C-alpha atoms as a PDB file:
ATOM      1  CA  MET A   1     -18.917   6.588  -7.413  1.00  0.00           C
ATOM      2  CA  SER A   2     -17.551   6.925 -10.924  1.00  0.00           C
ATOM      3  CA  ILE A   3     -13.867   6.773 -11.719  1.00  0.00           C
ATOM      4  CA  PRO A   4     -12.434  10.104 -12.996  1.00  0.00           C
ATOM      5  CA  LEU A   5     -11.244   8.913 -16.376  1.00  0.00           C
ATOM      6  CA  PRO A   6      -8.828  10.984 -18.449  1.00  0.00           C
ATOM      7  CA  PRO A   7     -10.304  12.648 -21.552  1.00  0.00           C
ATOM      8  CA  LEU A   8     -11.521   9.864 -23.816  1.00  0.00           C
ATOM      9  CA  PRO A   9     -13.743   9.627 -26.896  1.00  0.00           C
ATOM     10  CA  SER A  10     -17.450  10.004 -26.194  1.00  0.00           C
ATOM     11  CA  VAL A  11     -19.517   6.851 -25.685  1.00  0.00           C
ATOM     12  CA  PRO A  12     -23.138   5.927 -26.446  1.00  0.00           C
ATOM     13  CA  GLY A  13     -25.718   6.945 -23.876  1.00  0.00           C
ATOM     14  CA  ASP A  14     -26.995   3.361 -23.465  1.00  0.00           C
ATOM     15  CA  ALA A  15     -26.250   2.324 -19.874  1.00  0.00           C
ATOM     16  CA  ASP A  16     -25.775  -1.300 -20.986  1.00  0.00           C
ATOM     17  CA  TRP A  17     -23.207  -0.433 -23.638  1.00  0.00           C
ATOM     18  CA  LYS A  18     -19.786  -2.031 -23.096  1.00  0.00           C
ATOM     19  CA  PRO A  19     -16.680  -1.107 -25.096  1.00  0.00           C
ATOM     20  CA  ALA A  20     -14.448  -3.714 -26.668  1.00  0.00           C
ATOM     21  CA  GLY A  21     -11.173  -4.612 -25.035  1.00  0.00           C
ATOM     22  CA  GLU A  22      -9.823  -5.836 -21.702  1.00  0.00           C
ATOM     23  CA  GLU A  23     -10.319  -4.088 -18.393  1.00  0.00           C
ATOM     24  CA  VAL A  24      -7.306  -2.394 -16.863  1.00  0.00           C
ATOM     25  CA  VAL A  25      -7.096  -4.849 -13.960  1.00  0.00           C
ATOM     26  CA  LYS A  26      -6.633  -7.775 -16.353  1.00  0.00           C
ATOM     27  CA  VAL A  27      -4.229  -5.850 -18.595  1.00  0.00           C
ATOM     28  CA  LEU A  28      -1.924  -4.872 -15.749  1.00  0.00           C
ATOM     29  CA  SER A  29      -2.195  -8.197 -13.911  1.00  0.00           C
ATOM     30  CA  GLU A  30      -1.076 -10.041 -17.037  1.00  0.00           C
ATOM     31  CA  GLU A  31       1.795  -7.606 -17.483  1.00  0.00           C
ATOM     32  CA  HIS A  32       2.897  -8.068 -13.885  1.00  0.00           C
ATOM     33  CA  ARG A  33       2.923 -11.860 -14.357  1.00  0.00           C
ATOM     34  CA  ARG A  34       4.939 -11.430 -17.557  1.00  0.00           C
ATOM     35  CA  ILE A  35       7.469  -9.195 -15.810  1.00  0.00           C
ATOM     36  CA  THR A  36       7.786 -11.675 -12.928  1.00  0.00           C
ATOM     37  CA  SER A  37       8.469 -14.457 -15.426  1.00  0.00           C
ATOM     38  CA  LEU A  38      11.104 -12.338 -17.182  1.00  0.00           C
ATOM     39  CA  CYS A  39      12.769 -11.652 -13.828  1.00  0.00           C
ATOM     40  CA  GLY A  40      12.996 -15.384 -13.199  1.00  0.00           C
ATOM     41  CA  ARG A  41      14.805 -15.811 -16.511  1.00  0.00           C
ATOM     42  CA  LEU A  42      16.987 -12.758 -15.906  1.00  0.00           C
ATOM     43  CA  THR A  43      18.280 -13.970 -12.556  1.00  0.00           C
ATOM     44  CA  ASP A  44      18.703 -17.619 -13.580  1.00  0.00           C
ATOM     45  CA  SER A  45      22.449 -18.279 -13.733  1.00  0.00           C
ATOM     46  CA  ASP A  46      21.785 -21.437 -15.765  1.00  0.00           C
ATOM     47  CA  VAL A  47      20.598 -19.312 -18.711  1.00  0.00           C
ATOM     48  CA  ASP A  48      23.537 -18.603 -21.025  1.00  0.00           C
ATOM     49  CA  ALA A  49      25.041 -15.118 -21.185  1.00  0.00           C
ATOM     50  CA  VAL A  50      23.697 -14.264 -24.638  1.00  0.00           C
ATOM     51  CA  GLU A  51      20.110 -15.061 -23.676  1.00  0.00           C
ATOM     52  CA  ARG A  52      20.429 -13.267 -20.339  1.00  0.00           C
ATOM     53  CA  ALA A  53      21.675 -10.171 -22.178  1.00  0.00           C
ATOM     54  CA  ARG A  54      18.701 -10.334 -24.561  1.00  0.00           C
ATOM     55  CA  THR A  55      16.345 -10.892 -21.633  1.00  0.00           C
ATOM     56  CA  ALA A  56      17.810  -7.836 -19.897  1.00  0.00           C
ATOM     57  CA  GLU A  57      16.980  -5.674 -22.921  1.00  0.00           C
ATOM     58  CA  VAL A  58      13.410  -6.986 -22.983  1.00  0.00           C
ATOM     59  CA  VAL A  59      13.000  -6.375 -19.240  1.00  0.00           C
ATOM     60  CA  ILE A  60      14.264  -2.804 -19.595  1.00  0.00           C
ATOM     61  CA  ALA A  61      11.910  -2.037 -22.505  1.00  0.00           C
ATOM     62  CA  THR A  62       8.889  -3.836 -21.029  1.00  0.00           C
ATOM     63  CA  VAL A  63       9.155  -2.206 -17.612  1.00  0.00           C
ATOM     64  CA  THR A  64       9.791   1.252 -19.078  1.00  0.00           C
ATOM     65  CA  ARG A  65       6.664   1.020 -21.251  1.00  0.00           C
ATOM     66  CA  HIS A  66       4.644  -0.346 -18.344  1.00  0.00           C
ATOM     67  CA  LEU A  67       5.606   2.428 -15.925  1.00  0.00           C
ATOM     68  CA  SER A  68       4.988   5.132 -18.520  1.00  0.00           C
ATOM     69  CA  ALA A  69       1.425   3.954 -19.142  1.00  0.00           C
ATOM     70  CA  GLU A  70       0.661   3.626 -15.437  1.00  0.00           C
ATOM     71  CA  GLU A  71       1.907   7.151 -14.779  1.00  0.00           C
ATOM     72  CA  GLN A  72      -0.140   8.574 -17.649  1.00  0.00           C
ATOM     73  CA  TYR A  73      -3.451   6.919 -16.804  1.00  0.00           C
ATOM     74  CA  VAL A  74      -3.555   4.591 -13.804  1.00  0.00           C
ATOM     75  CA  TYR A  75      -2.081   6.809 -11.102  1.00  0.00           C
ATOM     76  CA  PRO A  76      -4.282   9.805 -12.010  1.00  0.00           C
ATOM     77  CA  ALA A  77      -7.313   7.499 -11.737  1.00  0.00           C
ATOM     78  CA  VAL A  78      -6.083   6.235  -8.367  1.00  0.00           C
ATOM     79  CA  ALA A  79      -5.433   9.786  -7.144  1.00  0.00           C
ATOM     80  CA  GLY A  80      -8.950  10.894  -8.042  1.00  0.00           C
ATOM     81  CA  THR A  81     -10.792   7.817  -6.849  1.00  0.00           C
ATOM     82  CA  LEU A  82      -9.325   5.952  -3.891  1.00  0.00           C
ATOM     83  CA  GLU A  83      -9.306   7.113  -0.316  1.00  0.00           C
ATOM     84  CA  ASP A  84      -5.896   8.721   0.234  1.00  0.00           C
ATOM     85  CA  GLY A  85      -5.389   8.147  -3.491  1.00  0.00           C
ATOM     86  CA  ARG A  86      -3.163  11.177  -4.001  1.00  0.00           C
ATOM     87  CA  SER A  87      -0.597  10.002  -1.467  1.00  0.00           C
ATOM     88  CA  ILE A  88      -0.757   6.454  -2.872  1.00  0.00           C
ATOM     89  CA  ALA A  89      -0.126   7.758  -6.398  1.00  0.00           C
ATOM     90  CA  ASP A  90       2.734   9.973  -5.182  1.00  0.00           C
ATOM     91  CA  ARG A  91       4.298   7.004  -3.410  1.00  0.00           C
ATOM     92  CA  GLU A  92       4.111   4.852  -6.535  1.00  0.00           C
ATOM     93  CA  ILE A  93       5.568   7.605  -8.722  1.00  0.00           C
ATOM     94  CA  ALA A  94       8.492   7.934  -6.304  1.00  0.00           C
ATOM     95  CA  GLU A  95       9.004   4.157  -6.396  1.00  0.00           C
ATOM     96  CA  ASP A  96       8.855   4.263 -10.207  1.00  0.00           C
ATOM     97  CA  ARG A  97      11.670   6.823 -10.255  1.00  0.00           C
ATOM     98  CA  GLU A  98      13.814   4.450  -8.214  1.00  0.00           C
ATOM     99  CA  ILE A  99      13.025   1.595 -10.596  1.00  0.00           C
ATOM    100  CA  LEU A 100      13.946   3.764 -13.589  1.00  0.00           C
ATOM    101  CA  LEU A 101      17.240   4.742 -11.946  1.00  0.00           C
ATOM    102  CA  THR A 102      18.033   1.073 -11.375  1.00  0.00           C
ATOM    103  CA  LEU A 103      17.086   0.315 -14.988  1.00  0.00           C
ATOM    104  CA  GLN A 104      19.376   3.103 -16.154  1.00  0.00           C
ATOM    105  CA  SER A 105      22.318   1.654 -14.239  1.00  0.00           C
ATOM    106  CA  PHE A 106      21.442  -1.888 -15.269  1.00  0.00           C
ATOM    107  CA  SER A 107      21.283  -0.931 -18.946  1.00  0.00           C
ATOM    108  CA  SER A 108      25.022  -0.180 -18.936  1.00  0.00           C
ATOM    109  CA  THR A 109      25.961  -3.676 -17.689  1.00  0.00           C
ATOM    110  CA  LYS A 110      26.087  -7.094 -19.307  1.00  0.00           C
ATOM    111  CA  PRO A 111      26.324 -10.667 -18.005  1.00  0.00           C
ATOM    112  CA  GLY A 112      29.756 -11.224 -16.560  1.00  0.00           C
ATOM    113  CA  ASP A 113      30.090  -7.662 -15.257  1.00  0.00           C
ATOM    114  CA  ALA A 114      30.504  -7.311 -11.523  1.00  0.00           C
ATOM    115  CA  ASP A 115      27.269  -5.318 -11.174  1.00  0.00           C
ATOM    116  CA  PHE A 116      25.006  -7.294 -13.516  1.00  0.00           C
ATOM    117  CA  ASP A 117      23.744  -9.885 -11.030  1.00  0.00           C
ATOM    118  CA  ARG A 118      23.531  -7.360  -8.189  1.00  0.00           C
ATOM    119  CA  LEU A 119      21.465  -4.908 -10.216  1.00  0.00           C
ATOM    120  CA  ALA A 120      19.306  -7.664 -11.704  1.00  0.00           C
ATOM    121  CA  THR A 121      18.457  -8.897  -8.207  1.00  0.00           C
ATOM    122  CA  ALA A 122      17.804  -5.362  -6.940  1.00  0.00           C
ATOM    123  CA  LEU A 123      15.605  -4.565  -9.933  1.00  0.00           C
ATOM    124  CA  CYS A 124      13.527  -7.713  -9.571  1.00  0.00           C
ATOM    125  CA  GLY A 125      13.039  -6.951  -5.885  1.00  0.00           C
ATOM    126  CA  GLN A 126      11.739  -3.475  -6.739  1.00  0.00           C
ATOM    127  CA  LEU A 127       9.417  -4.944  -9.372  1.00  0.00           C
ATOM    128  CA  GLN A 128       8.091  -7.490  -6.886  1.00  0.00           C
ATOM    129  CA  ARG A 129       7.174  -4.666  -4.509  1.00  0.00           C
ATOM    130  CA  HIS A 130       5.577  -2.788  -7.403  1.00  0.00           C
ATOM    131  CA  THR A 131       3.467  -5.833  -8.291  1.00  0.00           C
ATOM    132  CA  GLU A 132       2.411  -6.409  -4.692  1.00  0.00           C
ATOM    133  CA  ALA A 133       1.270  -2.793  -4.324  1.00  0.00           C
ATOM    134  CA  ALA A 134      -0.760  -3.026  -7.529  1.00  0.00           C
ATOM    135  CA  THR A 135      -2.401  -6.370  -6.797  1.00  0.00           C
ATOM    136  CA  GLY A 136      -2.979  -5.682  -3.123  1.00  0.00           C
ATOM    137  CA  GLU A 137      -4.125  -2.068  -3.179  1.00  0.00           C
ATOM    138  CA  LEU A 138      -4.399  -0.150  -6.452  1.00  0.00           C
ATOM    139  CA  LEU A 139      -6.193  -2.565  -8.743  1.00  0.00           C
ATOM    140  CA  PRO A 140      -8.680  -3.954  -6.189  1.00  0.00           C
ATOM    141  CA  GLY A 141      -9.531  -0.363  -5.244  1.00  0.00           C
ATOM    142  CA  LEU A 142     -10.244   0.612  -8.842  1.00  0.00           C
ATOM    143  CA  ARG A 143     -12.298  -2.530  -9.490  1.00  0.00           C
ATOM    144  CA  GLU A 144     -14.436  -1.881  -6.403  1.00  0.00           C
ATOM    145  CA  ILE A 145     -15.354   1.647  -7.474  1.00  0.00           C
ATOM    146  CA  ALA A 146     -15.311   1.759 -11.274  1.00  0.00           C
ATOM    147  CA  SER A 147     -17.823   0.267 -13.680  1.00  0.00           C
ATOM    148  CA  GLU A 148     -16.818  -2.481 -16.092  1.00  0.00           C
ATOM    149  CA  ALA A 149     -17.051  -0.071 -19.030  1.00  0.00           C
ATOM    150  CA  GLU A 150     -14.789   2.421 -17.261  1.00  0.00           C
ATOM    151  CA  LEU A 151     -12.229  -0.256 -16.469  1.00  0.00           C
ATOM    152  CA  ILE A 152     -12.216  -1.421 -20.088  1.00  0.00           C
ATOM    153  CA  ARG A 153     -11.819   2.107 -21.409  1.00  0.00           C
ATOM    154  CA  LEU A 154      -8.945   2.684 -18.990  1.00  0.00           C
ATOM    155  CA  GLY A 155      -7.375  -0.606 -20.061  1.00  0.00           C
ATOM    156  CA  ASN A 156      -7.603   0.490 -23.689  1.00  0.00           C
ATOM    157  CA  ARG A 157      -5.842   3.763 -22.911  1.00  0.00           C
ATOM    158  CA  VAL A 158      -3.062   1.955 -21.033  1.00  0.00           C
ATOM    159  CA  GLN A 159      -2.432  -0.348 -23.994  1.00  0.00           C
ATOM    160  CA  VAL A 160      -2.375   2.541 -26.465  1.00  0.00           C
ATOM    161  CA  ALA A 161      -0.006   4.506 -24.197  1.00  0.00           C
ATOM    162  CA  GLU A 162       2.387   1.576 -23.949  1.00  0.00           C
ATOM    163  CA  GLU A 163       2.723   1.325 -27.705  1.00  0.00           C
ATOM    164  CA  ALA A 164       3.756   4.995 -27.822  1.00  0.00           C
ATOM    165  CA  ALA A 165       5.957   4.830 -24.703  1.00  0.00           C
ATOM    166  CA  PRO A 166       9.760   4.951 -24.407  1.00  0.00           C
ATOM    167  CA  THR A 167      11.696   1.681 -24.431  1.00  0.00           C
ATOM    168  CA  ARG A 168      14.650   3.005 -22.444  1.00  0.00           C
ATOM    169  CA  PRO A 169      14.603   4.529 -18.928  1.00  0.00           C
ATOM    170  CA  HIS A 170      14.428   8.320 -18.685  1.00  0.00           C
ATOM    171  CA  PRO A 171      14.086   9.035 -14.943  1.00  0.00           C
ATOM    172  CA  GLY A 172      14.350  12.798 -15.468  1.00  0.00           C
ATOM    173  CA  THR A 173      11.251  13.157 -17.649  1.00  0.00           C
ATOM    174  CA  PRO A 174       7.884  14.342 -16.244  1.00  0.00           C
ATOM    175  CA  ALA A 175       5.953  11.685 -14.318  1.00  0.00           C
ATOM    176  CA  THR A 176       2.495  13.266 -14.246  1.00  0.00           C
ATOM    177  CA  PRO A 177      -0.034  14.552 -16.806  1.00  0.00           C
ATOM    178  CA  PRO A 178      -0.199  16.545 -18.915  1.00  0.00           C
ATOM    179  CA  TRP A 179       3.524  16.736 -19.613  1.00  0.00           C
ATOM    180  CA  ASN A 180       4.318  13.016 -19.509  1.00  0.00           C
ATOM    181  CA  LYS A 181       1.674  12.485 -22.215  1.00  0.00           C
ATOM    182  CA  VAL A 182       3.611  14.909 -24.414  1.00  0.00           C
ATOM    183  CA  VAL A 183       7.212  14.080 -23.524  1.00  0.00           C
ATOM    184  CA  ASP A 184       7.058  10.272 -23.347  1.00  0.00           C
ATOM    185  CA  PRO A 185       5.852   9.737 -26.952  1.00  0.00           C
ATOM    186  CA  ALA A 186       8.426  12.259 -28.206  1.00  0.00           C
ATOM    187  CA  VAL A 187      11.288  10.533 -26.378  1.00  0.00           C
ATOM    188  CA  ALA A 188       9.970   7.170 -27.565  1.00  0.00           C
ATOM    189  CA  VAL A 189      10.549   8.092 -31.198  1.00  0.00           C
ATOM    190  CA  VAL A 190      14.298   8.338 -30.593  1.00  0.00           C
ATOM    191  CA  ASP A 191      14.323   5.152 -28.521  1.00  0.00           C
ATOM    192  CA  LYS A 192      12.562   3.175 -31.232  1.00  0.00           C
ATOM    193  CA  VAL A 193      14.888   4.415 -33.969  1.00  0.00           C
ATOM    194  CA  LEU A 194      17.845   3.218 -31.881  1.00  0.00           C
ATOM    195  CA  ASP A 195      16.086  -0.105 -31.291  1.00  0.00           C
ATOM    196  CA  VAL A 196      15.672  -0.656 -35.023  1.00  0.00           C
ATOM    197  CA  VAL A 197      19.241   0.380 -35.836  1.00  0.00           C
ATOM    198  CA  THR A 198      20.721  -1.899 -33.171  1.00  0.00           C
ATOM    199  CA  ARG A 199      18.194  -4.722 -33.710  1.00  0.00           C
ATOM    200  CA  ARG A 200      17.454  -4.618 -30.000  1.00  0.00           C
ATOM    201  CA  PRO A 201      14.822  -7.055 -28.643  1.00  0.00           C
ATOM    202  CA  THR A 202      12.103  -5.160 -26.778  1.00  0.00           C
ATOM    203  CA  TYR A 203       9.197  -7.636 -26.402  1.00  0.00           C
ATOM    204  CA  PRO A 204       9.036 -11.071 -24.749  1.00  0.00           C
ATOM    205  CA  SER A 205       8.068 -12.469 -28.153  1.00  0.00           C
ATOM    206  CA  ASP A 206      11.512 -11.402 -29.406  1.00  0.00           C
ATOM    207  CA  LEU A 207      13.203 -13.929 -27.122  1.00  0.00           C
END
């Protein structure tokens, strides 16, 4: 069975041809490990307040980009490929909305606030569940069915989508194609202007 990829550029007819890039399973697995590491830093009370505040901004931006790309490309592939894929994708989209709502509340706090530690712990718990669902169900299912070339092409699309994704949570925006592919990049323009103006850190490399 072939994975129902979103519209992508045409490829050579050679069956042995393999595109450049990393397959989606590796891309997302590395991102999940990175997010888990950031959560460890975020919830570590031994990290000083300034660095925890900067880490919080990076977590918010990283997770927002990650969820946007998954909703644009990964969940549609899951819905069209895996057994009971539609209900799995719907479940993950609903969980994503809850994560975005937590991110939205968390973004208005800072270390020392009464809600900062509570929301940081709640957020990291939600992200742990998200990672477990991906590593235990979604990604193994895609790898079992899709070809290596398909997985690489999907990984490429996820990475491109992340670069054009919002860096702040917008839980009210569309969560499914085609509208999220239109709205997310448009919203991202405003987010990125604000990031530049405020010199906000948005990548782990900024820490």
